N, C-alpha and C. Protein backbone atom coordinates (compact mmCIF):
# COMPACT_ATOMS: atom_id res chain seq x y z
N UNK A 1 -58.02 -72.40 -44.98
CA UNK A 1 -58.49 -72.98 -43.74
C UNK A 1 -57.42 -73.92 -43.20
N UNK A 2 -57.10 -73.78 -41.92
CA UNK A 2 -56.07 -74.59 -41.30
C UNK A 2 -56.57 -76.01 -41.07
N UNK A 3 -55.68 -76.96 -41.21
CA UNK A 3 -56.00 -78.37 -40.98
C UNK A 3 -56.00 -78.61 -39.47
N UNK A 4 -57.13 -79.01 -38.87
CA UNK A 4 -57.20 -79.19 -37.42
C UNK A 4 -56.33 -80.34 -36.90
N UNK A 5 -55.91 -81.25 -37.79
CA UNK A 5 -55.07 -82.37 -37.35
C UNK A 5 -53.60 -81.99 -37.24
N UNK A 6 -53.25 -80.79 -37.69
CA UNK A 6 -51.86 -80.33 -37.63
C UNK A 6 -51.72 -79.39 -36.44
N UNK A 7 -50.87 -79.79 -35.49
CA UNK A 7 -50.66 -78.98 -34.31
C UNK A 7 -49.66 -77.86 -34.54
N UNK A 8 -49.66 -76.91 -33.62
CA UNK A 8 -48.78 -75.75 -33.72
C UNK A 8 -47.30 -76.14 -33.72
N UNK A 9 -46.95 -77.22 -33.03
CA UNK A 9 -45.55 -77.63 -32.92
C UNK A 9 -45.19 -78.79 -33.85
N UNK A 10 -46.09 -79.18 -34.74
CA UNK A 10 -45.81 -80.27 -35.67
C UNK A 10 -44.79 -79.81 -36.71
N UNK A 11 -44.02 -80.76 -37.18
CA UNK A 11 -43.06 -80.48 -38.25
C UNK A 11 -43.30 -81.47 -39.38
N UNK A 12 -42.80 -81.14 -40.54
CA UNK A 12 -42.88 -82.05 -41.68
C UNK A 12 -41.47 -82.34 -42.16
N UNK A 13 -41.17 -83.61 -42.28
CA UNK A 13 -39.88 -83.99 -42.87
C UNK A 13 -40.15 -84.23 -44.35
N UNK A 14 -39.67 -83.33 -45.16
CA UNK A 14 -39.95 -83.40 -46.59
C UNK A 14 -38.73 -83.77 -47.41
N UNK A 15 -37.59 -83.82 -46.79
CA UNK A 15 -36.38 -84.20 -47.50
C UNK A 15 -35.43 -84.91 -46.56
N UNK A 16 -34.78 -85.93 -47.05
CA UNK A 16 -33.81 -86.67 -46.25
C UNK A 16 -32.59 -86.97 -47.10
N UNK A 17 -31.47 -87.11 -46.41
CA UNK A 17 -30.24 -87.52 -47.08
C UNK A 17 -29.46 -88.40 -46.12
N UNK A 18 -28.74 -89.32 -46.67
CA UNK A 18 -27.99 -90.27 -45.85
C UNK A 18 -26.87 -90.86 -46.69
N UNK A 19 -25.70 -90.92 -46.13
CA UNK A 19 -24.59 -91.65 -46.72
C UNK A 19 -23.88 -92.37 -45.60
N UNK A 20 -23.97 -93.66 -45.60
CA UNK A 20 -23.31 -94.51 -44.61
C UNK A 20 -22.62 -95.65 -45.37
N UNK A 21 -21.75 -96.40 -44.72
CA UNK A 21 -21.12 -97.51 -45.44
C UNK A 21 -22.17 -98.41 -46.11
N UNK A 22 -22.02 -98.60 -47.40
CA UNK A 22 -22.91 -99.48 -48.15
C UNK A 22 -24.17 -98.84 -48.68
N UNK A 23 -24.42 -97.57 -48.34
CA UNK A 23 -25.65 -96.91 -48.81
C UNK A 23 -25.41 -95.43 -49.01
N UNK A 24 -25.82 -94.94 -50.18
CA UNK A 24 -25.64 -93.51 -50.48
C UNK A 24 -26.95 -92.74 -50.45
N UNK A 25 -28.01 -93.38 -49.91
CA UNK A 25 -29.31 -92.71 -49.81
C UNK A 25 -30.16 -93.44 -48.76
N UNK A 26 -31.18 -92.77 -48.24
CA UNK A 26 -32.08 -93.45 -47.29
C UNK A 26 -32.74 -94.68 -47.92
N UNK A 27 -33.11 -94.59 -49.20
CA UNK A 27 -33.74 -95.72 -49.88
C UNK A 27 -32.83 -96.93 -49.89
N UNK A 28 -31.57 -96.71 -50.27
CA UNK A 28 -30.60 -97.82 -50.32
C UNK A 28 -30.33 -98.37 -48.91
N UNK A 29 -30.28 -97.50 -47.90
CA UNK A 29 -30.06 -97.92 -46.52
C UNK A 29 -31.17 -98.88 -46.08
N UNK A 30 -32.43 -98.49 -46.31
CA UNK A 30 -33.54 -99.35 -45.89
C UNK A 30 -33.58 -100.63 -46.72
N UNK A 31 -33.23 -100.54 -47.97
CA UNK A 31 -33.17 -101.74 -48.81
C UNK A 31 -32.12 -102.70 -48.25
N UNK A 32 -30.96 -102.19 -47.87
CA UNK A 32 -29.91 -103.03 -47.28
C UNK A 32 -30.39 -103.69 -46.00
N UNK A 33 -31.10 -102.93 -45.17
CA UNK A 33 -31.63 -103.51 -43.93
C UNK A 33 -32.61 -104.64 -44.22
N UNK A 34 -33.53 -104.41 -45.15
CA UNK A 34 -34.52 -105.44 -45.49
C UNK A 34 -33.86 -106.70 -46.03
N UNK A 35 -32.80 -106.52 -46.81
CA UNK A 35 -32.14 -107.65 -47.46
C UNK A 35 -31.02 -108.26 -46.61
N UNK A 36 -30.76 -107.69 -45.44
CA UNK A 36 -29.72 -108.23 -44.57
C UNK A 36 -28.31 -107.98 -45.07
N UNK A 37 -28.11 -106.91 -45.82
CA UNK A 37 -26.79 -106.58 -46.35
C UNK A 37 -25.90 -106.10 -45.21
N UNK A 38 -24.74 -106.70 -45.07
CA UNK A 38 -23.77 -106.31 -44.04
C UNK A 38 -22.77 -105.37 -44.68
N UNK A 39 -22.76 -104.12 -44.23
CA UNK A 39 -21.88 -103.11 -44.82
C UNK A 39 -20.64 -102.85 -43.97
N UNK A 40 -20.58 -103.42 -42.81
CA UNK A 40 -19.40 -103.34 -41.96
C UNK A 40 -18.62 -104.63 -42.19
N UNK A 41 -17.34 -104.49 -42.49
CA UNK A 41 -16.54 -105.66 -42.90
C UNK A 41 -15.39 -105.91 -41.94
N UNK A 42 -14.91 -107.15 -41.95
CA UNK A 42 -13.71 -107.51 -41.20
C UNK A 42 -12.50 -106.92 -41.91
N UNK A 43 -11.58 -106.35 -41.13
CA UNK A 43 -10.36 -105.78 -41.69
C UNK A 43 -9.18 -106.61 -41.21
N UNK A 44 -8.34 -107.03 -42.14
CA UNK A 44 -7.20 -107.85 -41.75
C UNK A 44 -6.11 -106.97 -41.13
N UNK A 45 -5.17 -107.63 -40.48
CA UNK A 45 -4.11 -106.91 -39.76
C UNK A 45 -3.30 -106.00 -40.68
N UNK A 46 -2.98 -106.47 -41.88
CA UNK A 46 -2.20 -105.66 -42.82
C UNK A 46 -2.93 -104.37 -43.17
N UNK A 47 -4.23 -104.46 -43.40
CA UNK A 47 -5.02 -103.27 -43.73
C UNK A 47 -5.05 -102.30 -42.57
N UNK A 48 -5.29 -102.83 -41.37
CA UNK A 48 -5.35 -101.97 -40.18
C UNK A 48 -4.02 -101.27 -39.93
N UNK A 49 -2.92 -102.00 -40.08
CA UNK A 49 -1.60 -101.39 -39.89
C UNK A 49 -1.33 -100.33 -40.96
N UNK A 50 -1.72 -100.61 -42.20
CA UNK A 50 -1.53 -99.65 -43.29
C UNK A 50 -2.35 -98.38 -43.06
N UNK A 51 -3.47 -98.50 -42.37
CA UNK A 51 -4.32 -97.33 -42.07
C UNK A 51 -3.87 -96.59 -40.82
N UNK A 52 -2.80 -97.09 -40.18
CA UNK A 52 -2.23 -96.36 -39.05
C UNK A 52 -2.57 -96.91 -37.67
N UNK A 53 -3.23 -98.05 -37.61
CA UNK A 53 -3.54 -98.64 -36.31
C UNK A 53 -2.25 -99.16 -35.67
N UNK A 54 -2.18 -99.06 -34.38
CA UNK A 54 -1.01 -99.50 -33.62
C UNK A 54 -1.04 -101.01 -33.44
N UNK A 55 0.09 -101.68 -33.68
CA UNK A 55 0.16 -103.14 -33.57
C UNK A 55 -0.21 -103.63 -32.17
N UNK A 56 0.18 -102.89 -31.15
CA UNK A 56 -0.15 -103.28 -29.78
C UNK A 56 -1.67 -103.23 -29.55
N UNK A 57 -2.30 -102.25 -30.11
CA UNK A 57 -3.76 -102.12 -29.99
C UNK A 57 -4.45 -103.32 -30.62
N UNK A 58 -3.94 -103.78 -31.76
CA UNK A 58 -4.53 -104.94 -32.44
C UNK A 58 -4.51 -106.20 -31.59
N UNK A 59 -3.55 -106.29 -30.67
CA UNK A 59 -3.41 -107.48 -29.84
C UNK A 59 -4.30 -107.47 -28.59
N UNK A 60 -4.95 -106.36 -28.32
CA UNK A 60 -5.83 -106.29 -27.14
C UNK A 60 -7.00 -107.26 -27.29
N UNK A 61 -7.36 -107.89 -26.18
CA UNK A 61 -8.41 -108.91 -26.20
C UNK A 61 -9.74 -108.39 -26.73
N UNK A 62 -10.12 -107.19 -26.40
CA UNK A 62 -11.41 -106.66 -26.80
C UNK A 62 -11.42 -105.92 -28.12
N UNK A 63 -10.30 -105.91 -28.83
CA UNK A 63 -10.22 -105.16 -30.08
C UNK A 63 -11.06 -105.83 -31.16
N UNK A 64 -11.83 -105.04 -31.86
CA UNK A 64 -12.66 -105.55 -32.96
C UNK A 64 -12.17 -104.90 -34.24
N UNK A 65 -11.62 -105.69 -35.12
CA UNK A 65 -11.07 -105.18 -36.38
C UNK A 65 -12.10 -105.17 -37.48
N UNK A 66 -13.07 -104.30 -37.36
CA UNK A 66 -14.13 -104.16 -38.36
C UNK A 66 -14.31 -102.69 -38.70
N UNK A 67 -14.81 -102.43 -39.87
CA UNK A 67 -15.04 -101.05 -40.25
C UNK A 67 -15.88 -100.94 -41.50
N UNK A 68 -16.23 -99.72 -41.82
CA UNK A 68 -17.00 -99.45 -43.02
C UNK A 68 -16.48 -98.18 -43.67
N UNK A 69 -16.42 -98.19 -44.97
CA UNK A 69 -15.89 -97.03 -45.69
C UNK A 69 -17.02 -96.26 -46.36
N UNK A 70 -16.84 -94.94 -46.40
CA UNK A 70 -17.76 -94.07 -47.12
C UNK A 70 -17.15 -93.73 -48.47
N UNK A 71 -17.93 -93.86 -49.50
CA UNK A 71 -17.46 -93.51 -50.84
C UNK A 71 -17.55 -92.01 -51.06
N UNK A 72 -16.62 -91.47 -51.82
CA UNK A 72 -16.68 -90.08 -52.25
C UNK A 72 -16.33 -89.03 -51.22
N UNK A 73 -15.73 -89.41 -50.11
CA UNK A 73 -15.42 -88.45 -49.05
C UNK A 73 -14.45 -87.37 -49.55
N UNK A 74 -13.57 -87.72 -50.45
CA UNK A 74 -12.58 -86.77 -50.94
C UNK A 74 -13.09 -85.89 -52.08
N UNK A 75 -14.35 -86.01 -52.41
CA UNK A 75 -14.91 -85.24 -53.52
C UNK A 75 -15.58 -83.94 -53.08
N UNK A 76 -15.36 -83.51 -51.86
CA UNK A 76 -15.98 -82.29 -51.32
C UNK A 76 -15.67 -81.09 -52.21
N UNK A 77 -16.71 -80.36 -52.57
CA UNK A 77 -16.57 -79.19 -53.44
C UNK A 77 -16.42 -77.93 -52.57
N UNK A 78 -15.20 -77.62 -52.21
CA UNK A 78 -14.95 -76.49 -51.30
C UNK A 78 -15.43 -75.17 -51.89
N UNK A 79 -15.32 -75.01 -53.20
CA UNK A 79 -15.77 -73.77 -53.83
C UNK A 79 -17.29 -73.59 -53.69
N UNK A 80 -18.03 -74.67 -53.85
CA UNK A 80 -19.49 -74.61 -53.73
C UNK A 80 -19.89 -74.09 -52.35
N UNK A 81 -19.17 -74.52 -51.32
CA UNK A 81 -19.49 -74.12 -49.95
C UNK A 81 -18.70 -72.90 -49.48
N UNK A 82 -17.90 -72.32 -50.35
CA UNK A 82 -17.22 -71.07 -50.05
C UNK A 82 -15.99 -71.18 -49.16
N UNK A 83 -15.27 -72.29 -49.23
CA UNK A 83 -14.08 -72.46 -48.41
C UNK A 83 -12.81 -72.17 -49.21
N UNK A 84 -11.86 -71.55 -48.54
CA UNK A 84 -10.54 -71.37 -49.15
C UNK A 84 -9.81 -72.71 -49.08
N UNK A 85 -8.72 -72.87 -49.83
CA UNK A 85 -7.95 -74.12 -49.74
C UNK A 85 -7.47 -74.41 -48.32
N UNK A 86 -7.01 -73.37 -47.58
CA UNK A 86 -6.55 -73.59 -46.20
C UNK A 86 -7.68 -74.01 -45.29
N UNK A 87 -8.84 -73.35 -45.42
CA UNK A 87 -9.99 -73.74 -44.59
C UNK A 87 -10.39 -75.17 -44.87
N UNK A 88 -10.42 -75.55 -46.14
CA UNK A 88 -10.79 -76.91 -46.51
C UNK A 88 -9.79 -77.93 -45.97
N UNK A 89 -8.51 -77.54 -45.89
CA UNK A 89 -7.48 -78.45 -45.41
C UNK A 89 -7.68 -78.84 -43.95
N UNK A 90 -8.25 -77.95 -43.15
CA UNK A 90 -8.41 -78.25 -41.72
C UNK A 90 -9.85 -78.63 -41.34
N UNK A 91 -10.77 -78.54 -42.28
CA UNK A 91 -12.16 -78.86 -41.99
C UNK A 91 -12.33 -80.36 -41.77
N UNK A 92 -12.92 -80.71 -40.66
CA UNK A 92 -13.18 -82.11 -40.32
C UNK A 92 -13.98 -82.76 -41.44
N UNK A 93 -13.55 -83.91 -41.94
CA UNK A 93 -14.30 -84.58 -43.02
C UNK A 93 -15.76 -84.86 -42.64
N UNK A 94 -16.02 -85.04 -41.35
CA UNK A 94 -17.41 -85.26 -40.93
C UNK A 94 -18.26 -84.01 -41.17
N UNK A 95 -17.66 -82.84 -41.04
CA UNK A 95 -18.39 -81.60 -41.29
C UNK A 95 -18.58 -81.36 -42.78
N UNK A 96 -17.60 -81.76 -43.58
CA UNK A 96 -17.78 -81.69 -45.03
C UNK A 96 -18.96 -82.57 -45.43
N UNK A 97 -18.95 -83.77 -44.89
CA UNK A 97 -20.01 -84.75 -45.15
C UNK A 97 -21.36 -84.18 -44.72
N UNK A 98 -21.41 -83.56 -43.56
CA UNK A 98 -22.64 -82.96 -43.05
C UNK A 98 -23.17 -81.88 -43.99
N UNK A 99 -22.31 -81.01 -44.44
CA UNK A 99 -22.76 -79.93 -45.33
C UNK A 99 -23.30 -80.48 -46.65
N UNK A 100 -22.62 -81.49 -47.18
CA UNK A 100 -23.11 -82.10 -48.42
C UNK A 100 -24.48 -82.73 -48.20
N UNK A 101 -24.66 -83.38 -47.06
CA UNK A 101 -25.94 -84.02 -46.77
C UNK A 101 -27.04 -83.01 -46.54
N UNK A 102 -26.72 -81.88 -45.91
CA UNK A 102 -27.72 -80.80 -45.77
C UNK A 102 -28.23 -80.40 -47.15
N UNK A 103 -27.31 -80.17 -48.05
CA UNK A 103 -27.71 -79.74 -49.39
C UNK A 103 -28.50 -80.84 -50.10
N UNK A 104 -28.07 -82.10 -49.97
CA UNK A 104 -28.78 -83.21 -50.60
C UNK A 104 -30.20 -83.33 -50.04
N UNK A 105 -30.37 -83.11 -48.74
CA UNK A 105 -31.71 -83.18 -48.14
C UNK A 105 -32.61 -82.08 -48.70
N UNK A 106 -32.05 -80.89 -48.87
CA UNK A 106 -32.82 -79.78 -49.46
C UNK A 106 -33.21 -80.11 -50.90
N UNK A 107 -32.29 -80.67 -51.65
CA UNK A 107 -32.60 -81.06 -53.02
C UNK A 107 -33.65 -82.16 -53.05
N UNK A 108 -33.52 -83.13 -52.13
CA UNK A 108 -34.48 -84.23 -52.05
C UNK A 108 -35.89 -83.71 -51.76
N UNK A 109 -35.96 -82.67 -50.95
CA UNK A 109 -37.25 -82.06 -50.61
C UNK A 109 -37.83 -81.27 -51.77
N UNK A 110 -36.98 -80.90 -52.71
CA UNK A 110 -37.44 -80.05 -53.80
C UNK A 110 -37.65 -78.61 -53.37
N UNK A 111 -37.03 -78.25 -52.26
CA UNK A 111 -37.21 -76.90 -51.71
C UNK A 111 -35.86 -76.28 -51.38
N UNK A 112 -35.02 -76.10 -52.36
CA UNK A 112 -33.77 -75.42 -52.08
C UNK A 112 -34.09 -74.01 -51.61
N UNK A 113 -33.31 -73.47 -50.69
CA UNK A 113 -33.64 -72.18 -50.08
C UNK A 113 -33.87 -71.03 -51.04
N UNK A 114 -33.25 -71.04 -52.17
CA UNK A 114 -33.46 -69.95 -53.13
C UNK A 114 -34.85 -69.98 -53.74
N UNK A 115 -35.49 -71.16 -53.74
CA UNK A 115 -36.79 -71.31 -54.40
C UNK A 115 -37.95 -71.44 -53.42
N UNK A 116 -37.68 -71.53 -52.13
CA UNK A 116 -38.74 -71.77 -51.15
C UNK A 116 -38.88 -70.56 -50.24
N UNK A 117 -40.08 -70.05 -50.08
CA UNK A 117 -40.31 -68.83 -49.31
C UNK A 117 -40.43 -69.07 -47.80
N UNK A 118 -40.79 -70.27 -47.37
CA UNK A 118 -41.01 -70.53 -45.95
C UNK A 118 -39.72 -70.85 -45.21
N UNK A 119 -39.83 -71.01 -43.89
CA UNK A 119 -38.64 -71.37 -43.11
C UNK A 119 -38.20 -72.81 -43.41
N UNK A 120 -36.91 -73.02 -43.40
CA UNK A 120 -36.34 -74.35 -43.61
C UNK A 120 -35.43 -74.63 -42.43
N UNK A 121 -35.57 -75.79 -41.83
CA UNK A 121 -34.74 -76.17 -40.70
C UNK A 121 -33.90 -77.38 -41.04
N UNK A 122 -32.74 -77.48 -40.44
CA UNK A 122 -31.86 -78.62 -40.59
C UNK A 122 -31.63 -79.19 -39.20
N UNK A 123 -31.88 -80.47 -39.03
CA UNK A 123 -31.67 -81.11 -37.74
C UNK A 123 -30.52 -82.09 -37.87
N UNK A 124 -29.60 -82.05 -36.91
CA UNK A 124 -28.45 -82.95 -36.97
C UNK A 124 -28.01 -83.30 -35.55
N UNK A 125 -27.35 -84.41 -35.43
CA UNK A 125 -26.78 -84.81 -34.16
C UNK A 125 -25.37 -85.31 -34.39
N UNK A 126 -24.52 -85.18 -33.37
CA UNK A 126 -23.15 -85.66 -33.51
C UNK A 126 -22.57 -85.96 -32.14
N UNK A 127 -21.48 -86.66 -32.15
CA UNK A 127 -20.72 -86.92 -30.93
C UNK A 127 -19.44 -86.13 -30.96
N UNK A 128 -18.64 -86.31 -29.94
CA UNK A 128 -17.36 -85.62 -29.83
C UNK A 128 -16.43 -86.10 -30.93
N UNK A 129 -15.90 -85.18 -31.70
CA UNK A 129 -14.98 -85.54 -32.76
C UNK A 129 -13.53 -85.42 -32.31
N UNK A 130 -12.66 -86.14 -32.96
CA UNK A 130 -11.24 -86.08 -32.60
C UNK A 130 -10.38 -85.66 -33.78
N UNK A 131 -11.00 -85.40 -34.92
CA UNK A 131 -10.25 -85.07 -36.12
C UNK A 131 -9.30 -83.89 -35.90
N UNK A 132 -9.81 -82.81 -35.34
CA UNK A 132 -9.01 -81.61 -35.15
C UNK A 132 -7.76 -81.90 -34.33
N UNK A 133 -7.93 -82.62 -33.25
CA UNK A 133 -6.81 -82.85 -32.35
C UNK A 133 -5.77 -83.80 -32.93
N UNK A 134 -6.22 -84.83 -33.65
CA UNK A 134 -5.27 -85.81 -34.16
C UNK A 134 -4.72 -85.48 -35.55
N UNK A 135 -5.49 -84.74 -36.35
CA UNK A 135 -5.07 -84.52 -37.73
C UNK A 135 -4.68 -83.08 -38.05
N UNK A 136 -5.10 -82.14 -37.23
CA UNK A 136 -4.74 -80.75 -37.47
C UNK A 136 -3.66 -80.32 -36.49
N UNK A 137 -3.92 -80.51 -35.20
CA UNK A 137 -2.94 -80.06 -34.19
C UNK A 137 -1.59 -80.76 -34.33
N UNK A 138 -1.58 -81.96 -34.88
CA UNK A 138 -0.32 -82.68 -35.05
C UNK A 138 0.51 -82.13 -36.21
N UNK A 139 -0.05 -81.23 -37.00
CA UNK A 139 0.65 -80.63 -38.13
C UNK A 139 0.95 -79.17 -37.78
N UNK A 140 2.09 -78.95 -37.15
CA UNK A 140 2.45 -77.62 -36.64
C UNK A 140 2.46 -76.56 -37.73
N UNK A 141 2.96 -76.90 -38.91
CA UNK A 141 3.02 -75.94 -40.01
C UNK A 141 1.61 -75.48 -40.40
N UNK A 142 0.67 -76.42 -40.45
CA UNK A 142 -0.70 -76.08 -40.78
C UNK A 142 -1.33 -75.20 -39.69
N UNK A 143 -1.12 -75.55 -38.43
CA UNK A 143 -1.66 -74.78 -37.32
C UNK A 143 -1.12 -73.35 -37.36
N UNK A 144 0.16 -73.20 -37.63
CA UNK A 144 0.77 -71.87 -37.69
C UNK A 144 0.27 -71.05 -38.88
N UNK A 145 -0.22 -71.73 -39.92
CA UNK A 145 -0.61 -71.01 -41.14
C UNK A 145 -2.07 -70.57 -41.16
N UNK A 146 -2.86 -71.03 -40.19
CA UNK A 146 -4.29 -70.66 -40.14
C UNK A 146 -4.67 -70.28 -38.73
N UNK A 147 -5.82 -69.64 -38.59
CA UNK A 147 -6.35 -69.30 -37.28
C UNK A 147 -6.96 -70.57 -36.68
N UNK A 148 -6.26 -71.22 -35.75
CA UNK A 148 -6.66 -72.52 -35.23
C UNK A 148 -7.87 -72.46 -34.30
N UNK A 149 -8.13 -71.34 -33.66
CA UNK A 149 -9.27 -71.29 -32.73
C UNK A 149 -10.60 -71.53 -33.43
N UNK A 150 -10.93 -70.85 -34.53
CA UNK A 150 -12.19 -71.18 -35.21
C UNK A 150 -12.21 -72.63 -35.68
N UNK A 151 -11.08 -73.16 -36.08
CA UNK A 151 -11.03 -74.54 -36.52
C UNK A 151 -11.38 -75.48 -35.37
N UNK A 152 -10.92 -75.16 -34.16
CA UNK A 152 -11.24 -76.00 -33.00
C UNK A 152 -12.73 -76.02 -32.75
N UNK A 153 -13.37 -74.89 -32.89
CA UNK A 153 -14.82 -74.83 -32.68
C UNK A 153 -15.56 -75.65 -33.73
N UNK A 154 -15.03 -75.68 -34.96
CA UNK A 154 -15.69 -76.46 -36.01
C UNK A 154 -15.58 -77.94 -35.74
N UNK A 155 -14.64 -78.36 -34.92
CA UNK A 155 -14.47 -79.77 -34.63
C UNK A 155 -15.40 -80.28 -33.55
N UNK A 156 -16.24 -79.44 -33.00
CA UNK A 156 -17.14 -79.83 -31.92
C UNK A 156 -18.58 -79.70 -32.35
N UNK A 157 -19.50 -80.05 -31.47
CA UNK A 157 -20.93 -79.99 -31.77
C UNK A 157 -21.37 -78.62 -32.22
N UNK A 158 -20.77 -77.58 -31.67
CA UNK A 158 -21.18 -76.23 -32.06
C UNK A 158 -20.91 -75.98 -33.54
N UNK A 159 -20.06 -76.78 -34.15
CA UNK A 159 -19.74 -76.59 -35.55
C UNK A 159 -20.89 -76.94 -36.49
N UNK A 160 -21.79 -77.83 -36.09
CA UNK A 160 -22.86 -78.23 -37.00
C UNK A 160 -23.78 -77.08 -37.37
N UNK A 161 -24.27 -76.29 -36.40
CA UNK A 161 -25.10 -75.15 -36.83
C UNK A 161 -24.33 -74.18 -37.72
N UNK A 162 -23.04 -73.98 -37.44
CA UNK A 162 -22.22 -73.11 -38.26
C UNK A 162 -22.14 -73.67 -39.68
N UNK A 163 -21.95 -74.97 -39.79
CA UNK A 163 -21.84 -75.57 -41.10
C UNK A 163 -23.16 -75.48 -41.86
N UNK A 164 -24.28 -75.65 -41.16
CA UNK A 164 -25.57 -75.50 -41.83
C UNK A 164 -25.78 -74.05 -42.27
N UNK A 165 -25.28 -73.11 -41.47
CA UNK A 165 -25.38 -71.71 -41.87
C UNK A 165 -24.56 -71.47 -43.14
N UNK A 166 -23.45 -72.18 -43.30
CA UNK A 166 -22.67 -72.07 -44.54
C UNK A 166 -23.50 -72.56 -45.72
N UNK A 167 -24.23 -73.65 -45.50
CA UNK A 167 -25.11 -74.13 -46.56
C UNK A 167 -26.13 -73.04 -46.88
N UNK A 168 -26.64 -72.37 -45.84
CA UNK A 168 -27.60 -71.27 -46.02
C UNK A 168 -26.95 -70.13 -46.80
N UNK A 169 -25.75 -69.76 -46.42
CA UNK A 169 -25.08 -68.65 -47.10
C UNK A 169 -24.88 -68.96 -48.57
N UNK A 170 -24.60 -70.20 -48.86
CA UNK A 170 -24.38 -70.60 -50.24
C UNK A 170 -25.69 -70.66 -51.02
N UNK A 171 -26.77 -70.97 -50.30
CA UNK A 171 -27.98 -71.33 -51.01
C UNK A 171 -29.16 -70.38 -50.80
N UNK A 172 -29.09 -69.47 -49.89
CA UNK A 172 -30.23 -68.61 -49.65
C UNK A 172 -30.53 -68.50 -48.18
N UNK A 173 -31.40 -69.39 -47.65
CA UNK A 173 -31.70 -69.32 -46.22
C UNK A 173 -32.05 -70.71 -45.70
N UNK A 174 -31.57 -70.99 -44.53
CA UNK A 174 -31.88 -72.23 -43.81
C UNK A 174 -31.52 -72.01 -42.36
N UNK A 175 -32.16 -72.74 -41.48
CA UNK A 175 -31.81 -72.69 -40.05
C UNK A 175 -31.24 -74.02 -39.66
N UNK A 176 -30.42 -74.02 -38.63
CA UNK A 176 -29.81 -75.27 -38.20
C UNK A 176 -30.05 -75.50 -36.73
N UNK A 177 -30.05 -76.77 -36.35
CA UNK A 177 -30.18 -77.14 -34.95
C UNK A 177 -29.41 -78.43 -34.73
N UNK A 178 -28.71 -78.52 -33.62
CA UNK A 178 -28.12 -79.80 -33.25
C UNK A 178 -29.11 -80.49 -32.33
N UNK A 179 -28.81 -81.71 -31.95
CA UNK A 179 -29.71 -82.45 -31.08
C UNK A 179 -29.74 -81.85 -29.68
N UNK A 180 -28.86 -80.92 -29.38
CA UNK A 180 -28.81 -80.31 -28.06
C UNK A 180 -29.79 -79.17 -27.91
N UNK A 181 -30.16 -78.51 -28.99
CA UNK A 181 -31.00 -77.31 -28.87
C UNK A 181 -31.80 -77.15 -30.16
N UNK A 182 -33.13 -77.09 -30.08
CA UNK A 182 -33.92 -76.94 -31.31
C UNK A 182 -33.82 -75.52 -31.88
N UNK A 183 -34.04 -75.42 -33.17
CA UNK A 183 -34.04 -74.11 -33.82
C UNK A 183 -35.25 -73.32 -33.33
N UNK A 184 -35.09 -72.00 -33.26
CA UNK A 184 -36.19 -71.13 -32.84
C UNK A 184 -36.70 -70.36 -34.02
N UNK A 185 -37.96 -70.01 -33.96
CA UNK A 185 -38.56 -69.19 -35.03
C UNK A 185 -38.28 -67.75 -34.81
């Protein structure tokens, strides 16, 4: 018997994943908020210059020298997600992070696609990325060694559903949606 309080368009969020500066899970994130933990830190001039910031930019009146670091960004398991070494070399770190979080959310739900018979959706949102243009296109040898057009598409919003489909290919079945367009049944 169907539950009358559940509408046809209702959804259930049964798994979540989050990694942001200072928190590696939704639980830790909310704990930090409750406790007033500041995870964004002041960065001194030497650190900013060492990370590649331009000295002239640092002198601008409105410049804010603060940032937050994510732990484990370089630990991406390219084999798990089916990437060749060249593909992994040009993949935007934000997309690597996204794919890992998709899988973590499925694990958190206890419904990895291989073990769950119903539909599974992944919802994500993103802004315009610049990784491809500043870190891939500036390396001519790398651009010449791979098909750059698919890489360009992965650097944009359209890349998120593709990346979630990779999680699906690795794991069984899942659907993806960006904040621009909901998944369809």
